[in-house]
Amino acid sequence: MSTKTSFKRIAAVAAVALTLGGFSAVSANAAAPTADSISFGSAASAGVVGIAATNSITINGFASDTTTALTATVVLVSAPATSVSLTSNVDTTTAQVTANTPIATVTRTASTLVVTPKALGGFTASGTLSVTPDVAGTYVYRAILTGGFFSGSTANAASPVYATWTLSVSAQAGPTAYGTTITAYAGGAGAGTAATAIVAPKTAATSYTSATAAETVTVALGNNASAAAASTLVAASAPAITATVSGPGVVSWNNTTLGKSLSSTAGSLSQTLYVYGDGTALILLSSVSLGLAFHFQNG
């Protein structure tokens, strides 16, 4: 496989957000570089699922005219098999646009920055790559230069110059009691409020929908430990939750499978539990505790 074909295939799975930093002009009388170059601030970094990871990018080149553009393209070379974070976004901040304006015209697409110089000579461009991984594992990114400023050369188009960044991502902290919200309310067959008690007749349900449920409980998972911090929990890190009912009644997470103790399906930040009558007296108390399991105490 040719190098050119390989990069075309790699670029199809770009998954990045790239921000270009300020440019600084270098004297045109300085020693001319022998080639354009690009580098990451760190060749390897550690990250956490759901939290943005950043790395600086430095581009060095030489402009021999003001029409030849240099293109920097960031691509995702490899990622964990279960990752679905394959979208990309390249942008510049207001401050960066202001800094770039005297030196170069910068345009962008979803995964590239195209830089056209406004003056001749050597230059250095700096930027920041930001990515938010969705699952634990290893991600490998490349920043590729094509076009070439040096002597107006287009050699980089045939043999790209690139830098590689390896991001090792660990799993998130799990749900916390503070960050998780549990709301219980009467279902279609129930009465009362969570502040006192939710009561339902002992008649067993003959069908299973929200209209025939004695009680409905919604669980919104979060992993923050205080109001000062926002939850960073993503769906891919959301665990299964086990609900157990003591005494009369049965529970269901999907209105299809029912039982005295059932687990939800992992991978959802918001989950709904239904409680149904089973033909015996049913009084549902609203007190609920959450770990990876929570418990109803019925009388």
Protein backbone atom coordinates (compact mmCIF):
# COMPACT_ATOMS: atom_id res chain seq x y z
CA MET A 1 0.00 0.00 0.00
CA SER A 2 1.43 3.37 -0.90
CA THR A 3 1.95 5.99 1.78
CA LYS A 4 -0.51 8.28 0.03
CA THR A 5 -3.24 5.63 -0.04
CA SER A 6 -2.60 4.81 3.61
CA PHE A 7 -3.15 8.39 4.73
CA LYS A 8 -6.36 8.67 2.72
CA ARG A 9 -7.74 5.69 4.60
CA ILE A 10 -6.57 7.00 7.93
CA ALA A 11 -8.17 10.36 7.33
CA ALA A 12 -11.57 8.69 6.95
CA VAL A 13 -11.68 8.11 10.71
CA ALA A 14 -10.65 11.54 11.92
CA ALA A 15 -11.89 12.20 15.45
CA VAL A 16 -10.41 15.41 16.73
CA ALA A 17 -10.99 18.98 17.70
CA LEU A 18 -8.05 21.17 16.68
CA THR A 19 -7.46 24.76 17.72
CA LEU A 20 -4.77 26.82 16.07
CA GLY A 21 -2.74 29.10 18.29
CA GLY A 22 -0.93 32.32 17.45
CA PHE A 23 1.67 32.68 14.73
CA SER A 24 5.00 34.41 15.22
CA ALA A 25 7.02 35.85 12.37
CA VAL A 26 10.71 34.99 12.04
CA SER A 27 13.21 37.19 10.24
CA ALA A 28 13.45 36.43 6.54
CA ASN A 29 17.23 36.72 6.87
CA ALA A 30 17.42 33.83 9.32
CA ALA A 31 18.86 30.54 8.10
CA ALA A 32 16.29 28.85 5.90
CA PRO A 33 14.97 25.49 7.12
CA THR A 34 15.63 22.41 5.02
CA ALA A 35 12.05 21.18 5.32
CA ASP A 36 8.70 21.98 6.90
CA SER A 37 8.16 20.25 10.25
CA ILE A 38 5.39 19.52 12.72
CA SER A 39 5.57 18.21 16.28
CA PHE A 40 3.41 17.53 19.33
CA GLY A 41 4.32 18.96 22.71
CA SER A 42 4.12 15.45 24.17
CA ALA A 43 4.56 12.23 22.23
CA ALA A 44 2.53 10.31 24.86
CA SER A 45 -0.10 11.45 27.38
CA ALA A 46 -2.60 10.01 29.85
CA GLY A 47 -6.31 10.81 29.83
CA VAL A 48 -9.65 9.86 31.38
CA VAL A 49 -12.86 8.87 29.60
CA GLY A 50 -15.22 11.81 29.13
CA ILE A 51 -12.64 14.49 29.94
CA ALA A 52 -10.99 16.56 27.21
CA ALA A 53 -7.28 15.82 26.71
CA THR A 54 -5.09 18.45 25.05
CA ASN A 55 -1.69 18.55 23.39
CA SER A 56 0.18 21.41 21.76
CA ILE A 57 1.17 21.34 18.08
CA THR A 58 4.09 23.28 16.61
CA ILE A 59 4.52 23.86 12.88
CA ASN A 60 7.78 25.27 11.42
CA GLY A 61 8.07 26.32 7.79
CA PHE A 62 9.41 28.81 5.28
CA ALA A 63 7.31 30.93 2.93
CA SER A 64 8.86 31.78 -0.44
CA ASP A 65 5.61 33.23 -1.77
CA THR A 66 2.24 34.33 -0.43
CA THR A 67 0.09 31.95 -2.44
CA THR A 68 1.37 28.48 -1.53
CA ALA A 69 -0.70 27.10 1.37
CA LEU A 70 0.42 24.65 4.02
CA THR A 71 -2.28 22.25 5.22
CA ALA A 72 -2.21 20.54 8.62
CA THR A 73 -4.58 17.58 8.93
CA VAL A 74 -5.16 15.71 12.20
CA VAL A 75 -6.37 12.13 11.92
CA LEU A 76 -7.17 9.31 14.31
CA VAL A 77 -4.98 6.36 13.34
CA SER A 78 -6.32 3.84 15.86
CA ALA A 79 -8.73 3.66 18.79
CA PRO A 80 -10.36 1.04 21.06
CA ALA A 81 -12.74 -1.20 19.11
CA THR A 82 -15.78 -0.01 21.06
CA SER A 83 -15.10 3.70 20.58
CA VAL A 84 -17.69 5.58 18.51
CA SER A 85 -16.12 9.01 18.89
CA LEU A 86 -15.40 9.45 15.19
CA THR A 87 -16.53 13.03 14.70
CA SER A 88 -14.14 15.94 14.27
CA ASN A 89 -14.10 19.69 14.68
CA VAL A 90 -11.37 22.20 13.87
CA ASP A 91 -11.73 25.75 15.08
CA THR A 92 -9.94 28.90 16.17
CA THR A 93 -10.81 31.15 19.07
CA THR A 94 -11.42 34.89 18.71
CA ALA A 95 -8.03 35.60 20.30
CA GLN A 96 -6.28 33.22 17.91
CA VAL A 97 -7.94 34.78 14.88
CA THR A 98 -6.68 38.18 16.07
CA ALA A 99 -3.14 36.81 16.49
CA ASN A 100 -3.15 35.09 13.10
CA THR A 101 -4.50 38.00 11.08
CA PRO A 102 -1.24 39.97 10.57
CA ILE A 103 0.74 36.89 9.56
CA ALA A 104 -1.45 34.44 7.68
CA THR A 105 -4.91 33.69 6.37
CA VAL A 106 -6.26 30.61 8.17
CA THR A 107 -9.22 28.63 6.91
CA ARG A 108 -10.54 25.35 8.24
CA THR A 109 -12.61 22.27 7.47
CA ALA A 110 -13.80 19.55 9.84
CA SER A 111 -10.29 18.16 10.37
CA THR A 112 -7.81 20.54 8.69
CA LEU A 113 -6.29 23.98 8.95
CA VAL A 114 -5.11 25.64 5.74
CA VAL A 115 -2.54 28.40 6.27
CA THR A 116 -1.61 30.92 3.55
CA PRO A 117 1.24 33.30 4.48
CA LYS A 118 1.03 37.08 4.15
CA ALA A 119 4.81 37.60 4.12
CA LEU A 120 7.96 35.78 3.02
CA GLY A 121 10.41 34.06 5.34
CA GLY A 122 10.49 31.57 8.16
CA PHE A 123 7.57 31.19 10.53
CA THR A 124 6.39 29.17 13.52
CA ALA A 125 2.73 28.29 14.08
CA SER A 126 1.43 26.81 17.31
CA GLY A 127 -1.87 25.12 17.99
CA THR A 128 -3.74 22.92 20.44
CA LEU A 129 -5.36 19.58 19.73
CA SER A 130 -8.25 18.70 22.05
CA VAL A 131 -9.97 15.31 22.09
CA THR A 132 -12.57 13.78 24.41
CA PRO A 133 -12.24 9.96 24.47
CA ASP A 134 -15.43 7.95 24.98
CA VAL A 135 -14.01 4.61 26.19
CA ALA A 136 -10.86 3.43 27.96
CA GLY A 137 -7.91 2.28 25.88
CA THR A 138 -5.21 3.62 23.58
CA TYR A 139 -5.79 6.28 20.93
CA VAL A 140 -3.17 7.24 18.34
CA TYR A 141 -3.39 10.57 16.49
CA ARG A 142 -1.28 12.00 13.67
CA ALA A 143 -0.87 15.58 12.56
CA ILE A 144 0.11 15.55 8.88
CA LEU A 145 1.57 18.40 6.80
CA THR A 146 0.94 18.67 3.08
CA GLY A 147 1.51 21.41 0.51
CA GLY A 148 4.76 22.84 1.73
CA PHE A 149 6.04 26.41 2.14
CA PHE A 150 9.72 25.62 1.71
CA SER A 151 10.90 27.15 -1.62
CA GLY A 152 7.33 26.86 -2.88
CA SER A 153 7.78 23.08 -2.88
CA THR A 154 4.87 20.66 -3.09
CA ALA A 155 7.03 17.67 -2.10
CA ASN A 156 5.09 17.22 1.13
CA ALA A 157 1.99 16.27 -0.85
CA ALA A 158 3.70 13.10 -2.10
CA SER A 159 5.60 12.31 1.10
CA PRO A 160 3.79 13.81 4.08
CA VAL A 161 5.62 15.01 7.17
CA TYR A 162 3.75 14.07 10.35
CA ALA A 163 3.89 13.86 14.14
CA THR A 164 2.31 11.14 16.28
CA TRP A 165 0.54 11.42 19.66
CA THR A 166 -0.40 8.35 21.75
CA LEU A 167 -3.15 8.94 24.32
CA SER A 168 -3.64 6.25 26.99
CA VAL A 169 -7.12 6.60 28.49
CA SER A 170 -8.31 5.15 31.80
CA ALA A 171 -11.88 4.48 32.90
CA GLN A 172 -13.96 7.09 34.68
CA ALA A 173 -14.93 7.12 38.32
CA GLY A 174 -18.29 5.39 38.75
CA PRO A 175 -21.60 6.93 39.87
CA THR A 176 -21.71 8.70 43.22
CA ALA A 177 -24.61 9.17 45.60
CA TYR A 178 -24.23 12.96 45.33
CA GLY A 179 -24.14 13.01 41.55
CA THR A 180 -27.03 10.60 41.04
CA THR A 181 -30.65 11.71 41.16
CA ILE A 182 -33.41 9.20 42.01
CA THR A 183 -37.03 10.25 41.57
CA ALA A 184 -39.97 8.05 42.61
CA TYR A 185 -43.58 8.80 41.78
CA ALA A 186 -46.89 6.96 41.54
CA GLY A 187 -47.52 4.99 38.39
CA GLY A 188 -50.84 4.71 36.62
CA ALA A 189 -52.09 2.13 39.15
CA GLY A 190 -50.63 3.85 42.21
CA ALA A 191 -51.47 6.81 44.41
CA GLY A 192 -49.65 9.04 46.84
CA THR A 193 -46.31 10.80 46.72
CA ALA A 194 -42.68 9.95 47.35
CA ALA A 195 -42.66 12.37 50.30
CA THR A 196 -45.06 10.09 52.22
CA ALA A 197 -45.79 6.74 50.64
CA ILE A 198 -46.91 5.44 47.28
CA VAL A 199 -49.76 2.94 47.66
CA ALA A 200 -51.28 0.59 45.11
CA PRO A 201 -54.04 -2.07 45.20
CA LYS A 202 -52.99 -5.65 45.63
CA THR A 203 -54.45 -6.67 42.25
CA ALA A 204 -51.77 -8.23 40.09
CA ALA A 205 -51.00 -6.37 36.88
CA THR A 206 -52.19 -8.14 33.73
CA SER A 207 -50.17 -5.99 31.37
CA TYR A 208 -46.97 -4.07 31.89
CA THR A 209 -46.84 -0.41 30.91
CA SER A 210 -46.42 2.87 32.76
CA ALA A 211 -50.23 3.01 32.98
CA THR A 212 -50.42 -0.25 34.98
CA ALA A 213 -47.30 0.32 37.13
CA ALA A 214 -47.78 0.96 40.83
CA GLU A 215 -44.62 3.06 41.00
CA THR A 216 -42.09 4.50 38.54
CA VAL A 217 -38.54 5.38 39.53
CA THR A 218 -36.15 7.33 37.32
CA VAL A 219 -32.41 7.15 37.96
CA ALA A 220 -30.07 9.79 36.45
CA LEU A 221 -26.45 8.74 36.99
CA GLY A 222 -23.60 11.17 37.69
CA ASN A 223 -20.12 10.88 39.19
CA ASN A 224 -19.52 14.33 40.69
CA ALA A 225 -18.89 14.49 44.43
CA SER A 226 -20.06 18.07 45.03
CA ALA A 227 -21.93 20.97 43.48
CA ALA A 228 -18.59 22.56 42.61
CA ALA A 229 -17.84 19.86 40.05
CA ALA A 230 -19.89 18.74 37.07
CA SER A 231 -20.40 15.08 36.30
CA THR A 232 -18.07 13.71 33.63
CA LEU A 233 -19.77 10.32 33.43
CA VAL A 234 -20.48 9.23 29.86
CA ALA A 235 -22.92 6.56 28.73
CA ALA A 236 -20.18 4.09 27.86
CA SER A 237 -19.06 4.15 31.52
CA ALA A 238 -22.53 3.88 33.05
CA PRO A 239 -22.90 0.58 34.96
CA ALA A 240 -25.89 -1.69 35.26
CA ILE A 241 -28.10 -0.98 38.28
CA THR A 242 -29.71 -3.74 40.34
CA ALA A 243 -33.15 -3.10 41.86
CA THR A 244 -34.54 -5.41 44.51
CA VAL A 245 -38.08 -5.32 45.94
CA SER A 246 -38.73 -6.90 49.36
CA GLY A 247 -42.23 -8.16 50.13
CA PRO A 248 -45.09 -7.78 47.63
CA GLY A 249 -44.51 -6.63 44.09
CA VAL A 250 -42.20 -7.23 41.13
CA VAL A 251 -39.90 -4.89 39.22
CA SER A 252 -38.97 -4.39 35.58
CA TRP A 253 -36.52 -2.17 33.68
CA ASN A 254 -38.10 -2.77 30.27
CA ASN A 255 -41.74 -3.76 30.90
CA THR A 256 -40.93 -7.18 29.49
CA THR A 257 -38.72 -9.00 32.00
CA LEU A 258 -40.10 -9.01 35.57
CA GLY A 259 -38.74 -10.31 38.86
CA LYS A 260 -37.98 -9.62 42.51
CA SER A 261 -34.41 -8.50 41.73
CA LEU A 262 -33.31 -7.37 38.27
CA SER A 263 -30.36 -5.50 36.75
CA SER A 264 -30.67 -2.83 34.09
CA THR A 265 -28.58 -2.76 30.93
CA ALA A 266 -25.26 -0.93 31.29
CA GLY A 267 -24.50 2.01 29.03
CA SER A 268 -27.27 4.48 29.86
CA LEU A 269 -27.05 7.60 32.02
CA SER A 270 -30.82 7.76 32.53
CA GLN A 271 -32.77 4.64 33.45
CA THR A 272 -36.38 3.97 34.44
CA LEU A 273 -37.63 1.27 36.82
CA TYR A 274 -41.27 0.11 37.03
CA VAL A 275 -42.84 -1.61 40.05
CA TYR A 276 -46.01 -3.73 39.61
CA GLY A 277 -48.50 -5.39 41.91
CA ASP A 278 -48.35 -9.16 42.12
CA GLY A 279 -51.69 -9.97 43.78
CA THR A 280 -50.72 -9.32 47.40
CA ALA A 281 -51.05 -6.19 49.54
CA LEU A 282 -48.65 -3.56 48.27
CA ILE A 283 -47.43 -0.41 50.00
CA LEU A 284 -44.33 1.11 48.43
CA LEU A 285 -42.13 3.30 50.58
CA SER A 286 -40.14 5.99 48.82
CA SER A 287 -36.80 5.52 50.58
CA VAL A 288 -34.15 4.39 48.08
CA SER A 289 -30.39 3.95 48.45
CA LEU A 290 -27.94 3.64 45.57
CA GLY A 291 -24.65 1.88 45.11
CA LEU A 292 -24.55 -0.37 42.11
CA ALA A 293 -27.75 -1.67 43.67
CA PHE A 294 -30.64 -0.02 45.45
CA HIS A 295 -33.36 -1.52 47.56
CA PHE A 296 -37.11 -1.04 48.08
CA GLN A 297 -38.52 -1.94 51.46
CA ASN A 298 -42.25 -2.63 51.07
CA GLY A 299 -44.82 -3.39 53.76
